[in-house]
Amino acid sequence: MAAFAEQQETFDCSEYGNGSCPENERSLGVRVAIYSFMAGAIFITVFGNLAMMVSISCFKQLHTPTNFLILSMAVTDFLLGFTIMPYSMIRSVENCWYFGITFCKIHYSFDLMLSITSIFHLCSVAIDRFYAICYPLRYSTKITIPVIKRLLLLCWSVPGAFAFGVVFSEAYAEGIEGYDILVACSSSCPVMFNKLWGITLFMTGFFTPGSIMVGIYGKIFAVSRKHARAINTLSENQNNQMRKDKKAAKTLGIVMGVFLLCWFPCFFTILLDPFLNFSTPVVLFDALTWFGYFNSTCNPLIYGFFYPWFRRALKYILLGKIFNSHFHNTDLFTQKETE
């Protein structure tokens, strides 16, 4: 997510030749290095999440409620890498927005939507794991495919309505002195939040769902410790299933922790900036935005490290074996995973 704010006197159109881009102070070597680094992050984000999408879609063994949530989250990260990060890369390196104010709003709306959609997905995954570990006997009746479909509809529709509604109505800019001048000199894609919408975005889009996730995972790990003490009294099948559920909860907890770590600085800066008279440097905003983007780069790496089934599925994909129909029923799990 990107936000840009400077004081009014900095954006005098005559200084930039009636809205043209300011001169880039970075040397060619520095720009090439930054382009290379960001392009690498985009490559991992796009193809890593694409591999996750293909894996879950192609292998029937992976068609579970939890994995459908992970699939949708991978779609979110893929779209961020494919549709948002390339334009943000050009803006960040060149210190200029070349694509006009209308596309700036479209870009920012999708950026904001996908960021909030990610945290809504993580909330849904936390709820799924809560029932799987804390109420295993009721899990199959509570978390069904129709329930997952409703959760996914909520995860996509609410952030979409919020992001596009707030950005295109320009409610976020009400009361910000000099905003009209920023729009007139729009070479920097000027989108920023006033105090009301900065607080609203932080509370509803990050703090509240983040607090819910932390609370749920706290409960999950407390129950997991109780299960660990009773694990020797269970049958082998129950034992294996409990260990798999615990491992899944731990992995998704890491995904959640990485998300909160990556996006908190950006959301918190958006919250504070209007109270600091929009004095936060643009370069800092840009850096925090890319730190948030890197969350989408990290997710497929986390899955690859913690999920052996993803590594096996990726091997089949790279070898082209998924084009053979009988491989769709391949057993990707082994006894080793539950030990």
C-alpha atoms as a PDB file:
ATOM      1  CA  MET A   1       0.000   0.000   0.000  1.00  0.00           C
ATOM      2  CA  ALA A   2       1.374   3.408  -0.879  1.00  0.00           C
ATOM      3  CA  ALA A   3       0.693   6.805   0.669  1.00  0.00           C
ATOM      4  CA  PHE A   4       2.257  10.064  -0.286  1.00  0.00           C
ATOM      5  CA  ALA A   5       2.199  13.264   1.724  1.00  0.00           C
ATOM      6  CA  GLU A   6       4.298  16.401   1.695  1.00  0.00           C
ATOM      7  CA  GLN A   7       3.558  19.906   2.832  1.00  0.00           C
ATOM      8  CA  GLN A   8       1.776  22.252   0.454  1.00  0.00           C
ATOM      9  CA  GLU A   9       4.711  24.527  -0.306  1.00  0.00           C
ATOM     10  CA  THR A  10       6.766  21.595  -1.596  1.00  0.00           C
ATOM     11  CA  PHE A  11       4.235  20.993  -4.392  1.00  0.00           C
ATOM     12  CA  ASP A  12       4.377  24.246  -6.341  1.00  0.00           C
ATOM     13  CA  CYS A  13       3.459  23.267  -9.925  1.00  0.00           C
ATOM     14  CA  SER A  14       5.569  25.991 -11.462  1.00  0.00           C
ATOM     15  CA  GLU A  15       8.641  24.489  -9.824  1.00  0.00           C
ATOM     16  CA  TYR A  16       8.111  21.213 -11.709  1.00  0.00           C
ATOM     17  CA  GLY A  17       7.131  22.660 -15.046  1.00  0.00           C
ATOM     18  CA  ASN A  18       3.360  22.454 -14.611  1.00  0.00           C
ATOM     19  CA  GLY A  19       3.229  19.020 -13.093  1.00  0.00           C
ATOM     20  CA  SER A  20       6.243  17.357 -14.698  1.00  0.00           C
ATOM     21  CA  CYS A  21       8.422  14.963 -12.724  1.00  0.00           C
ATOM     22  CA  PRO A  22      11.269  16.349 -10.595  1.00  0.00           C
ATOM     23  CA  GLU A  23      14.797  15.390 -11.546  1.00  0.00           C
ATOM     24  CA  ASN A  24      15.855  11.989 -10.224  1.00  0.00           C
ATOM     25  CA  GLU A  25      18.809  12.395  -7.865  1.00  0.00           C
ATOM     26  CA  ARG A  26      19.771   8.711  -7.929  1.00  0.00           C
ATOM     27  CA  SER A  27      22.648   7.640 -10.145  1.00  0.00           C
ATOM     28  CA  LEU A  28      22.086   5.131 -12.941  1.00  0.00           C
ATOM     29  CA  GLY A  29      23.953   2.410 -11.022  1.00  0.00           C
ATOM     30  CA  VAL A  30      21.793   2.853  -7.926  1.00  0.00           C
ATOM     31  CA  ARG A  31      18.615   2.781  -9.982  1.00  0.00           C
ATOM     32  CA  VAL A  32      19.689  -0.401 -11.779  1.00  0.00           C
ATOM     33  CA  ALA A  33      20.474  -2.039  -8.426  1.00  0.00           C
ATOM     34  CA  ILE A  34      17.086  -1.078  -6.970  1.00  0.00           C
ATOM     35  CA  TYR A  35      15.277  -2.212 -10.125  1.00  0.00           C
ATOM     36  CA  SER A  36      17.084  -5.573  -9.962  1.00  0.00           C
ATOM     37  CA  PHE A  37      16.241  -6.113  -6.295  1.00  0.00           C
ATOM     38  CA  MET A  38      12.577  -5.177  -6.700  1.00  0.00           C
ATOM     39  CA  ALA A  39      12.226  -7.186  -9.919  1.00  0.00           C
ATOM     40  CA  GLY A  40      13.583 -10.222  -8.056  1.00  0.00           C
ATOM     41  CA  ALA A  41      11.005  -9.737  -5.314  1.00  0.00           C
ATOM     42  CA  ILE A  42       8.243  -9.424  -7.910  1.00  0.00           C
ATOM     43  CA  PHE A  43       9.428 -12.607  -9.663  1.00  0.00           C
ATOM     44  CA  ILE A  44       9.346 -14.626  -6.425  1.00  0.00           C
ATOM     45  CA  THR A  45       5.980 -13.145  -5.466  1.00  0.00           C
ATOM     46  CA  VAL A  46       4.324 -13.909  -8.802  1.00  0.00           C
ATOM     47  CA  PHE A  47       5.743 -17.359  -9.520  1.00  0.00           C
ATOM     48  CA  GLY A  48       5.871 -18.531  -5.901  1.00  0.00           C
ATOM     49  CA  ASN A  49       2.209 -17.797  -5.345  1.00  0.00           C
ATOM     50  CA  LEU A  50       1.334 -19.104  -8.807  1.00  0.00           C
ATOM     51  CA  ALA A  51       2.990 -22.410  -7.825  1.00  0.00           C
ATOM     52  CA  MET A  52       0.910 -22.486  -4.646  1.00  0.00           C
ATOM     53  CA  MET A  53      -2.277 -21.848  -6.649  1.00  0.00           C
ATOM     54  CA  VAL A  54      -1.488 -24.587  -9.182  1.00  0.00           C
ATOM     55  CA  SER A  55      -0.513 -27.060  -6.448  1.00  0.00           C
ATOM     56  CA  ILE A  56      -3.740 -26.747  -4.484  1.00  0.00           C
ATOM     57  CA  SER A  57      -5.885 -26.601  -7.633  1.00  0.00           C
ATOM     58  CA  CYS A  58      -4.369 -29.653  -9.339  1.00  0.00           C
ATOM     59  CA  PHE A  59      -3.948 -32.164  -6.507  1.00  0.00           C
ATOM     60  CA  LYS A  60      -7.241 -33.510  -5.178  1.00  0.00           C
ATOM     61  CA  GLN A  61      -5.649 -34.463  -1.863  1.00  0.00           C
ATOM     62  CA  LEU A  62      -5.179 -30.750  -1.173  1.00  0.00           C
ATOM     63  CA  HIS A  63      -8.852 -29.866  -1.687  1.00  0.00           C
ATOM     64  CA  THR A  64      -9.599 -29.144   1.976  1.00  0.00           C
ATOM     65  CA  PRO A  65     -11.343 -26.129   3.572  1.00  0.00           C
ATOM     66  CA  THR A  66      -8.070 -24.854   5.025  1.00  0.00           C
ATOM     67  CA  ASN A  67      -6.240 -25.146   1.714  1.00  0.00           C
ATOM     68  CA  PHE A  68      -9.031 -23.340  -0.146  1.00  0.00           C
ATOM     69  CA  LEU A  69      -8.443 -20.402   2.204  1.00  0.00           C
ATOM     70  CA  ILE A  70      -4.695 -20.632   1.529  1.00  0.00           C
ATOM     71  CA  LEU A  71      -5.421 -20.818  -2.212  1.00  0.00           C
ATOM     72  CA  SER A  72      -7.456 -17.623  -2.085  1.00  0.00           C
ATOM     73  CA  MET A  73      -4.738 -15.927  -0.035  1.00  0.00           C
ATOM     74  CA  ALA A  74      -2.172 -16.988  -2.652  1.00  0.00           C
ATOM     75  CA  VAL A  75      -4.402 -15.398  -5.317  1.00  0.00           C
ATOM     76  CA  THR A  76      -4.322 -12.177  -3.278  1.00  0.00           C
ATOM     77  CA  ASP A  77      -0.523 -12.224  -3.085  1.00  0.00           C
ATOM     78  CA  PHE A  78      -0.243 -13.134  -6.780  1.00  0.00           C
ATOM     79  CA  LEU A  79      -2.441 -10.194  -7.804  1.00  0.00           C
ATOM     80  CA  LEU A  80      -0.415  -7.852  -5.614  1.00  0.00           C
ATOM     81  CA  GLY A  81       2.797  -9.009  -7.281  1.00  0.00           C
ATOM     82  CA  PHE A  82       1.411  -9.046 -10.816  1.00  0.00           C
ATOM     83  CA  THR A  83      -0.753  -5.896 -10.898  1.00  0.00           C
ATOM     84  CA  ILE A  84       0.521  -3.592  -8.135  1.00  0.00           C
ATOM     85  CA  MET A  85       4.230  -4.077  -7.495  1.00  0.00           C
ATOM     86  CA  PRO A  86       5.499  -3.365 -11.071  1.00  0.00           C
ATOM     87  CA  TYR A  87       3.886   0.102 -11.163  1.00  0.00           C
ATOM     88  CA  SER A  88       5.036   0.793  -7.605  1.00  0.00           C
ATOM     89  CA  MET A  89       8.566  -0.228  -8.612  1.00  0.00           C
ATOM     90  CA  ILE A  90       8.680   2.393 -11.372  1.00  0.00           C
ATOM     91  CA  ARG A  91       7.232   5.026  -9.040  1.00  0.00           C
ATOM     92  CA  SER A  92       9.720   4.196  -6.283  1.00  0.00           C
ATOM     93  CA  VAL A  93      12.842   4.168  -8.463  1.00  0.00           C
ATOM     94  CA  GLU A  94      11.971   7.153 -10.672  1.00  0.00           C
ATOM     95  CA  ASN A  95      10.379   9.239  -7.881  1.00  0.00           C
ATOM     96  CA  CYS A  96       7.498   9.924 -10.253  1.00  0.00           C
ATOM     97  CA  TRP A  97       4.039   8.619 -11.181  1.00  0.00           C
ATOM     98  CA  TYR A  98       3.775   8.463 -14.989  1.00  0.00           C
ATOM     99  CA  PHE A  99       0.287   6.966 -15.281  1.00  0.00           C
ATOM    100  CA  GLY A 100      -2.123   9.795 -14.426  1.00  0.00           C
ATOM    101  CA  ILE A 101      -4.340  10.575 -11.445  1.00  0.00           C
ATOM    102  CA  THR A 102      -7.224   8.272 -12.483  1.00  0.00           C
ATOM    103  CA  PHE A 103      -5.004   5.209 -12.719  1.00  0.00           C
ATOM    104  CA  CYS A 104      -3.328   6.362  -9.490  1.00  0.00           C
ATOM    105  CA  LYS A 105      -6.674   5.978  -7.715  1.00  0.00           C
ATOM    106  CA  ILE A 106      -7.333   2.604  -9.357  1.00  0.00           C
ATOM    107  CA  HIS A 107      -3.849   1.432  -8.407  1.00  0.00           C
ATOM    108  CA  TYR A 108      -4.190   2.624  -4.821  1.00  0.00           C
ATOM    109  CA  SER A 109      -7.697   1.142  -4.482  1.00  0.00           C
ATOM    110  CA  PHE A 110      -6.494  -2.325  -5.518  1.00  0.00           C
ATOM    111  CA  ASP A 111      -3.392  -1.890  -3.353  1.00  0.00           C
ATOM    112  CA  LEU A 112      -5.504  -1.085  -0.294  1.00  0.00           C
ATOM    113  CA  MET A 113      -8.073  -3.777  -1.095  1.00  0.00           C
ATOM    114  CA  LEU A 114      -5.501  -6.554  -1.474  1.00  0.00           C
ATOM    115  CA  SER A 115      -3.714  -5.550   1.729  1.00  0.00           C
ATOM    116  CA  ILE A 116      -6.921  -5.690   3.788  1.00  0.00           C
ATOM    117  CA  THR A 117      -8.062  -8.827   1.955  1.00  0.00           C
ATOM    118  CA  SER A 118      -4.872 -10.584   3.096  1.00  0.00           C
ATOM    119  CA  ILE A 119      -5.515  -9.893   6.760  1.00  0.00           C
ATOM    120  CA  PHE A 120      -9.171 -10.962   6.395  1.00  0.00           C
ATOM    121  CA  HIS A 121      -7.952 -14.252   4.923  1.00  0.00           C
ATOM    122  CA  LEU A 122      -5.598 -14.741   7.837  1.00  0.00           C
ATOM    123  CA  CYS A 123      -8.501 -14.146  10.235  1.00  0.00           C
ATOM    124  CA  SER A 124     -10.505 -16.813   8.409  1.00  0.00           C
ATOM    125  CA  VAL A 125      -7.580 -19.248   8.580  1.00  0.00           C
ATOM    126  CA  ALA A 126      -7.256 -18.554  12.308  1.00  0.00           C
ATOM    127  CA  ILE A 127     -10.951 -19.391  12.792  1.00  0.00           C
ATOM    128  CA  ASP A 128     -10.517 -22.584  10.745  1.00  0.00           C
ATOM    129  CA  ARG A 129      -7.520 -23.722  12.831  1.00  0.00           C
ATOM    130  CA  PHE A 130      -9.334 -22.786  16.056  1.00  0.00           C
ATOM    131  CA  TYR A 131     -12.131 -25.252  15.309  1.00  0.00           C
ATOM    132  CA  ALA A 132      -9.724 -27.905  13.998  1.00  0.00           C
ATOM    133  CA  ILE A 133      -7.606 -27.946  17.162  1.00  0.00           C
ATOM    134  CA  CYS A 134      -9.928 -26.738  19.935  1.00  0.00           C
ATOM    135  CA  TYR A 135     -13.116 -28.493  18.769  1.00  0.00           C
ATOM    136  CA  PRO A 136     -11.949 -31.336  16.489  1.00  0.00           C
ATOM    137  CA  LEU A 137     -15.172 -33.342  16.811  1.00  0.00           C
ATOM    138  CA  ARG A 138     -17.262 -30.391  15.595  1.00  0.00           C
ATOM    139  CA  TYR A 139     -14.821 -29.224  12.918  1.00  0.00           C
ATOM    140  CA  SER A 140     -16.292 -31.184  10.002  1.00  0.00           C
ATOM    141  CA  THR A 141     -19.792 -29.870  10.726  1.00  0.00           C
ATOM    142  CA  LYS A 142     -18.772 -26.264  11.431  1.00  0.00           C
ATOM    143  CA  ILE A 143     -16.169 -25.668   8.702  1.00  0.00           C
ATOM    144  CA  THR A 144     -17.734 -26.884   5.468  1.00  0.00           C
ATOM    145  CA  ILE A 145     -17.202 -25.836   1.857  1.00  0.00           C
ATOM    146  CA  PRO A 146     -20.341 -23.577   1.897  1.00  0.00           C
ATOM    147  CA  VAL A 147     -18.993 -21.887   5.044  1.00  0.00           C
ATOM    148  CA  ILE A 148     -15.631 -21.365   3.329  1.00  0.00           C
ATOM    149  CA  LYS A 149     -17.365 -19.833   0.307  1.00  0.00           C
ATOM    150  CA  ARG A 150     -19.172 -17.350   2.559  1.00  0.00           C
ATOM    151  CA  LEU A 151     -15.938 -16.490   4.335  1.00  0.00           C
ATOM    152  CA  LEU A 152     -14.193 -15.906   1.006  1.00  0.00           C
ATOM    153  CA  LEU A 153     -17.041 -13.683  -0.204  1.00  0.00           C
ATOM    154  CA  LEU A 154     -16.645 -11.632   2.971  1.00  0.00           C
ATOM    155  CA  CYS A 155     -12.836 -11.514   2.617  1.00  0.00           C
ATOM    156  CA  TRP A 156     -13.045 -10.056  -0.898  1.00  0.00           C
ATOM    157  CA  SER A 157     -16.224  -7.951  -0.921  1.00  0.00           C
ATOM    158  CA  VAL A 158     -15.777  -5.914   2.276  1.00  0.00           C
ATOM    159  CA  PRO A 159     -12.186  -4.745   1.552  1.00  0.00           C
ATOM    160  CA  GLY A 160     -13.128  -4.062  -2.085  1.00  0.00           C
ATOM    161  CA  ALA A 161     -16.131  -1.923  -1.166  1.00  0.00           C
ATOM    162  CA  PHE A 162     -14.135  -0.091   1.507  1.00  0.00           C
ATOM    163  CA  ALA A 163     -11.068   0.600  -0.650  1.00  0.00           C
ATOM    164  CA  PHE A 164     -12.813   1.746  -3.832  1.00  0.00           C
ATOM    165  CA  GLY A 165     -15.500   3.650  -1.908  1.00  0.00           C
ATOM    166  CA  VAL A 166     -13.055   5.626   0.221  1.00  0.00           C
ATOM    167  CA  VAL A 167     -10.510   6.342  -2.527  1.00  0.00           C
ATOM    168  CA  PHE A 168     -12.878   7.325  -5.360  1.00  0.00           C
ATOM    169  CA  SER A 169     -15.147   9.384  -3.085  1.00  0.00           C
ATOM    170  CA  GLU A 170     -12.004  11.170  -1.851  1.00  0.00           C
ATOM    171  CA  ALA A 171     -13.450  11.008   1.662  1.00  0.00           C
ATOM    172  CA  TYR A 172      -9.929  10.248   2.864  1.00  0.00           C
ATOM    173  CA  ALA A 173      -8.789  13.748   1.819  1.00  0.00           C
ATOM    174  CA  GLU A 174     -11.568  15.887   3.358  1.00  0.00           C
ATOM    175  CA  GLY A 175     -10.129  18.731   5.399  1.00  0.00           C
ATOM    176  CA  ILE A 176      -6.536  18.267   4.196  1.00  0.00           C
ATOM    177  CA  GLU A 177      -5.242  21.727   3.336  1.00  0.00           C
ATOM    178  CA  GLY A 178      -3.572  21.936  -0.059  1.00  0.00           C
ATOM    179  CA  TYR A 179      -4.815  18.579  -1.326  1.00  0.00           C
ATOM    180  CA  ASP A 180      -6.250  20.179  -4.483  1.00  0.00           C
ATOM    181  CA  ILE A 181      -2.776  21.512  -5.291  1.00  0.00           C
ATOM    182  CA  LEU A 182      -1.317  18.036  -4.833  1.00  0.00           C
ATOM    183  CA  VAL A 183      -3.855  16.656  -7.293  1.00  0.00           C
ATOM    184  CA  ALA A 184      -3.058  19.417  -9.793  1.00  0.00           C
ATOM    185  CA  CYS A 185       0.643  18.531  -9.448  1.00  0.00           C
ATOM    186  CA  SER A 186      -0.070  14.823  -9.494  1.00  0.00           C
ATOM    187  CA  SER A 187       3.302  13.548 -10.689  1.00  0.00           C
ATOM    188  CA  SER A 188       3.641  11.817  -7.303  1.00  0.00           C
ATOM    189  CA  CYS A 189       0.224  10.038  -7.169  1.00  0.00           C
ATOM    190  CA  PRO A 190      -0.933  12.044  -4.107  1.00  0.00           C
ATOM    191  CA  VAL A 191      -3.128   9.824  -1.924  1.00  0.00           C
ATOM    192  CA  MET A 192      -3.144  10.344   1.851  1.00  0.00           C
ATOM    193  CA  PHE A 193      -5.543   9.891   4.742  1.00  0.00           C
ATOM    194  CA  ASN A 194      -6.966  12.535   7.061  1.00  0.00           C
ATOM    195  CA  LYS A 195      -7.215  11.867  10.799  1.00  0.00           C
ATOM    196  CA  LEU A 196     -10.668  10.265  10.690  1.00  0.00           C
ATOM    197  CA  TRP A 197      -9.942   7.834   7.865  1.00  0.00           C
ATOM    198  CA  GLY A 198      -6.408   7.152   9.068  1.00  0.00           C
ATOM    199  CA  ILE A 199      -7.848   5.967  12.396  1.00  0.00           C
ATOM    200  CA  THR A 200     -10.662   4.076  10.626  1.00  0.00           C
ATOM    201  CA  LEU A 201      -8.245   2.285   8.310  1.00  0.00           C
ATOM    202  CA  PHE A 202      -5.877   1.355  11.112  1.00  0.00           C
ATOM    203  CA  MET A 203      -8.628   0.085  13.437  1.00  0.00           C
ATOM    204  CA  THR A 204     -10.890  -1.767  11.001  1.00  0.00           C
ATOM    205  CA  GLY A 205      -8.320  -2.868   8.445  1.00  0.00           C
ATOM    206  CA  PHE A 206      -5.450  -3.853  10.712  1.00  0.00           C
ATOM    207  CA  PHE A 207      -5.699  -3.495  14.505  1.00  0.00           C
ATOM    208  CA  THR A 208      -9.076  -5.182  15.116  1.00  0.00           C
ATOM    209  CA  PRO A 209      -8.559  -8.233  12.852  1.00  0.00           C
ATOM    210  CA  GLY A 210      -4.935  -8.431  13.980  1.00  0.00           C
ATOM    211  CA  SER A 211      -5.992  -8.501  17.631  1.00  0.00           C
ATOM    212  CA  ILE A 212      -8.572 -11.194  16.870  1.00  0.00           C
ATOM    213  CA  MET A 213      -5.903 -13.335  15.201  1.00  0.00           C
ATOM    214  CA  VAL A 214      -3.460 -12.933  18.078  1.00  0.00           C
ATOM    215  CA  GLY A 215      -6.195 -13.875  20.564  1.00  0.00           C
ATOM    216  CA  ILE A 216      -7.249 -16.933  18.568  1.00  0.00           C
ATOM    217  CA  TYR A 217      -3.703 -18.208  18.103  1.00  0.00           C
ATOM    218  CA  GLY A 218      -3.024 -17.655  21.799  1.00  0.00           C
ATOM    219  CA  LYS A 219      -5.966 -19.940  22.560  1.00  0.00           C
ATOM    220  CA  ILE A 220      -4.818 -22.472  19.928  1.00  0.00           C
ATOM    221  CA  PHE A 221      -1.330 -22.804  21.394  1.00  0.00           C
ATOM    222  CA  ALA A 222      -2.698 -23.063  24.921  1.00  0.00           C
ATOM    223  CA  VAL A 223      -4.896 -25.970  23.811  1.00  0.00           C
ATOM    224  CA  SER A 224      -1.991 -27.469  21.852  1.00  0.00           C
ATOM    225  CA  ARG A 225       0.082 -27.656  25.038  1.00  0.00           C
ATOM    226  CA  LYS A 226      -2.741 -29.537  26.765  1.00  0.00           C
ATOM    227  CA  HIS A 227      -2.915 -31.918  23.820  1.00  0.00           C
ATOM    228  CA  ALA A 228       0.828 -32.492  23.987  1.00  0.00           C
ATOM    229  CA  ARG A 229       0.515 -33.751  27.560  1.00  0.00           C
ATOM    230  CA  ALA A 230      -2.219 -36.204  26.552  1.00  0.00           C
ATOM    231  CA  ILE A 231      -0.699 -37.302  23.266  1.00  0.00           C
ATOM    232  CA  ASN A 232       0.641 -40.634  24.585  1.00  0.00           C
ATOM    233  CA  THR A 233      -2.853 -41.800  25.540  1.00  0.00           C
ATOM    234  CA  LEU A 234      -4.265 -41.391  22.030  1.00  0.00           C
ATOM    235  CA  SER A 235      -4.474 -43.916  19.240  1.00  0.00           C
ATOM    236  CA  GLU A 236      -1.892 -43.702  16.472  1.00  0.00           C
ATOM    237  CA  ASN A 237      -4.330 -42.136  13.976  1.00  0.00           C
ATOM    238  CA  GLN A 238      -5.502 -39.523  16.491  1.00  0.00           C
ATOM    239  CA  ASN A 239      -1.908 -38.886  17.453  1.00  0.00           C
ATOM    240  CA  ASN A 240      -0.823 -38.297  13.847  1.00  0.00           C
ATOM    241  CA  GLN A 241      -3.799 -36.061  13.047  1.00  0.00           C
ATOM    242  CA  MET A 242      -3.223 -33.954  16.154  1.00  0.00           C
ATOM    243  CA  ARG A 243       0.428 -33.479  15.273  1.00  0.00           C
ATOM    244  CA  LYS A 244      -0.462 -32.481  11.700  1.00  0.00           C
ATOM    245  CA  ASP A 245      -3.039 -29.951  12.956  1.00  0.00           C
ATOM    246  CA  LYS A 246      -0.539 -28.534  15.435  1.00  0.00           C
ATOM    247  CA  LYS A 247       2.118 -28.208  12.723  1.00  0.00           C
ATOM    248  CA  ALA A 248      -0.371 -26.516  10.367  1.00  0.00           C
ATOM    249  CA  ALA A 249      -1.381 -24.083  13.115  1.00  0.00           C
ATOM    250  CA  LYS A 250       2.290 -23.309  13.853  1.00  0.00           C
ATOM    251  CA  THR A 251       3.079 -22.682  10.176  1.00  0.00           C
ATOM    252  CA  LEU A 252       0.059 -20.455   9.649  1.00  0.00           C
ATOM    253  CA  GLY A 253       0.882 -18.682  12.892  1.00  0.00           C
ATOM    254  CA  ILE A 254       4.295 -17.849  11.399  1.00  0.00           C
ATOM    255  CA  VAL A 255       2.568 -16.582   8.250  1.00  0.00           C
ATOM    256  CA  MET A 256       0.349 -14.391  10.449  1.00  0.00           C
ATOM    257  CA  GLY A 257       3.333 -13.099  12.436  1.00  0.00           C
ATOM    258  CA  VAL A 258       5.240 -12.199   9.270  1.00  0.00           C
ATOM    259  CA  PHE A 259       2.180 -10.379   7.919  1.00  0.00           C
ATOM    260  CA  LEU A 260       1.778  -8.297  11.095  1.00  0.00           C
ATOM    261  CA  LEU A 261       5.516  -7.533  11.207  1.00  0.00           C
ATOM    262  CA  CYS A 262       5.620  -6.456   7.553  1.00  0.00           C
ATOM    263  CA  TRP A 263       2.466  -4.322   7.452  1.00  0.00           C
ATOM    264  CA  PHE A 264       2.326  -2.807  10.955  1.00  0.00           C
ATOM    265  CA  PRO A 265       4.928  -0.059  10.282  1.00  0.00           C
ATOM    266  CA  CYS A 266       3.061   1.097   7.158  1.00  0.00           C
ATOM    267  CA  PHE A 267      -0.393   1.087   8.779  1.00  0.00           C
ATOM    268  CA  PHE A 268       0.963   2.772  11.908  1.00  0.00           C
ATOM    269  CA  THR A 269       2.647   5.512   9.867  1.00  0.00           C
ATOM    270  CA  ILE A 270      -0.605   6.172   7.987  1.00  0.00           C
ATOM    271  CA  LEU A 271      -2.304   6.489  11.391  1.00  0.00           C
ATOM    272  CA  LEU A 272       0.259   8.950  12.774  1.00  0.00           C
ATOM    273  CA  ASP A 273       1.028  11.034   9.686  1.00  0.00           C
ATOM    274  CA  PRO A 274      -2.035  13.360   9.769  1.00  0.00           C
ATOM    275  CA  PHE A 275      -1.291  14.109  13.442  1.00  0.00           C
ATOM    276  CA  LEU A 276       2.263  15.063  12.410  1.00  0.00           C
ATOM    277  CA  ASN A 277       0.998  17.507   9.755  1.00  0.00           C
ATOM    278  CA  PHE A 278       1.956  15.056   6.974  1.00  0.00           C
ATOM    279  CA  SER A 279       5.640  15.566   7.698  1.00  0.00           C
ATOM    280  CA  THR A 280       6.701  11.933   7.173  1.00  0.00           C
ATOM    281  CA  PRO A 281       9.242  11.829   4.308  1.00  0.00           C
ATOM    282  CA  VAL A 282       7.964  10.307   1.065  1.00  0.00           C
ATOM    283  CA  VAL A 283      11.039   8.057   0.911  1.00  0.00           C
ATOM    284  CA  LEU A 284      10.143   6.570   4.312  1.00  0.00           C
ATOM    285  CA  PHE A 285       6.544   5.934   3.238  1.00  0.00           C
ATOM    286  CA  ASP A 286       7.834   4.246   0.118  1.00  0.00           C
ATOM    287  CA  ALA A 287      10.238   2.039   2.071  1.00  0.00           C
ATOM    288  CA  LEU A 288       7.518   0.975   4.526  1.00  0.00           C
ATOM    289  CA  THR A 289       5.156   0.226   1.644  1.00  0.00           C
ATOM    290  CA  TRP A 290       7.701  -2.107   0.048  1.00  0.00           C
ATOM    291  CA  PHE A 291       8.367  -3.725   3.416  1.00  0.00           C
ATOM    292  CA  GLY A 292       4.653  -4.564   3.402  1.00  0.00           C
ATOM    293  CA  TYR A 293       4.833  -5.845  -0.166  1.00  0.00           C
ATOM    294  CA  PHE A 294       7.624  -8.241   0.829  1.00  0.00           C
ATOM    295  CA  ASN A 295       5.083 -10.111   2.954  1.00  0.00           C
ATOM    296  CA  SER A 296       3.582 -11.456  -0.273  1.00  0.00           C
ATOM    297  CA  THR A 297       7.089 -12.490  -1.329  1.00  0.00           C
ATOM    298  CA  CYS A 298       7.714 -14.324   1.960  1.00  0.00           C
ATOM    299  CA  ASN A 299       4.521 -16.414   2.039  1.00  0.00           C
ATOM    300  CA  PRO A 300       5.427 -18.987  -0.673  1.00  0.00           C
ATOM    301  CA  LEU A 301       8.931 -19.237   0.845  1.00  0.00           C
ATOM    302  CA  ILE A 302       7.391 -20.044   4.232  1.00  0.00           C
ATOM    303  CA  TYR A 303       5.119 -22.671   2.677  1.00  0.00           C
ATOM    304  CA  GLY A 304       8.075 -24.180   0.838  1.00  0.00           C
ATOM    305  CA  PHE A 305      10.132 -24.399   4.022  1.00  0.00           C
ATOM    306  CA  PHE A 306       7.448 -25.811   6.340  1.00  0.00           C
ATOM    307  CA  TYR A 307       5.199 -27.836   3.994  1.00  0.00           C
ATOM    308  CA  PRO A 308       6.830 -30.929   2.415  1.00  0.00           C
ATOM    309  CA  TRP A 309       3.680 -31.455   0.341  1.00  0.00           C
ATOM    310  CA  PHE A 310       4.259 -28.074  -1.337  1.00  0.00           C
ATOM    311  CA  ARG A 311       7.827 -29.026  -2.242  1.00  0.00           C
ATOM    312  CA  ARG A 312       6.631 -32.332  -3.700  1.00  0.00           C
ATOM    313  CA  ALA A 313       3.843 -30.626  -5.634  1.00  0.00           C
ATOM    314  CA  LEU A 314       6.293 -28.028  -6.941  1.00  0.00           C
ATOM    315  CA  LYS A 315       8.593 -30.814  -8.140  1.00  0.00           C
ATOM    316  CA  TYR A 316       5.729 -32.390 -10.108  1.00  0.00           C
ATOM    317  CA  ILE A 317       4.843 -28.985 -11.585  1.00  0.00           C
ATOM    318  CA  LEU A 318       8.412 -28.242 -12.691  1.00  0.00           C
ATOM    319  CA  LEU A 319       8.719 -31.693 -14.245  1.00  0.00           C
ATOM    320  CA  GLY A 320       5.466 -31.186 -16.148  1.00  0.00           C
ATOM    321  CA  LYS A 321       3.884 -34.269 -14.572  1.00  0.00           C
ATOM    322  CA  ILE A 322       0.688 -32.432 -13.649  1.00  0.00           C
ATOM    323  CA  PHE A 323      -0.382 -32.713 -17.281  1.00  0.00           C
ATOM    324  CA  ASN A 324      -0.829 -36.441 -16.706  1.00  0.00           C
ATOM    325  CA  SER A 325      -4.294 -36.874 -15.224  1.00  0.00           C
ATOM    326  CA  HIS A 326      -3.332 -39.725 -12.885  1.00  0.00           C
ATOM    327  CA  PHE A 327      -0.898 -37.460 -11.030  1.00  0.00           C
ATOM    328  CA  HIS A 328      -3.837 -35.407  -9.732  1.00  0.00           C
ATOM    329  CA  ASN A 329      -4.506 -38.247  -7.277  1.00  0.00           C
ATOM    330  CA  THR A 330      -0.882 -38.473  -6.120  1.00  0.00           C
ATOM    331  CA  ASP A 331      -0.350 -38.909  -2.376  1.00  0.00           C
ATOM    332  CA  LEU A 332       1.673 -35.858  -1.347  1.00  0.00           C
ATOM    333  CA  PHE A 333       1.731 -36.758   2.340  1.00  0.00           C
ATOM    334  CA  THR A 334       4.004 -39.257   4.036  1.00  0.00           C
ATOM    335  CA  GLN A 335       4.287 -40.686   7.500  1.00  0.00           C
ATOM    336  CA  LYS A 336       7.417 -38.619   7.943  1.00  0.00           C
ATOM    337  CA  GLU A 337       5.360 -35.406   8.063  1.00  0.00           C
ATOM    338  CA  THR A 338       3.553 -36.488  11.209  1.00  0.00           C
ATOM    339  CA  GLU A 339       6.609 -37.514  13.186  1.00  0.00           C
END
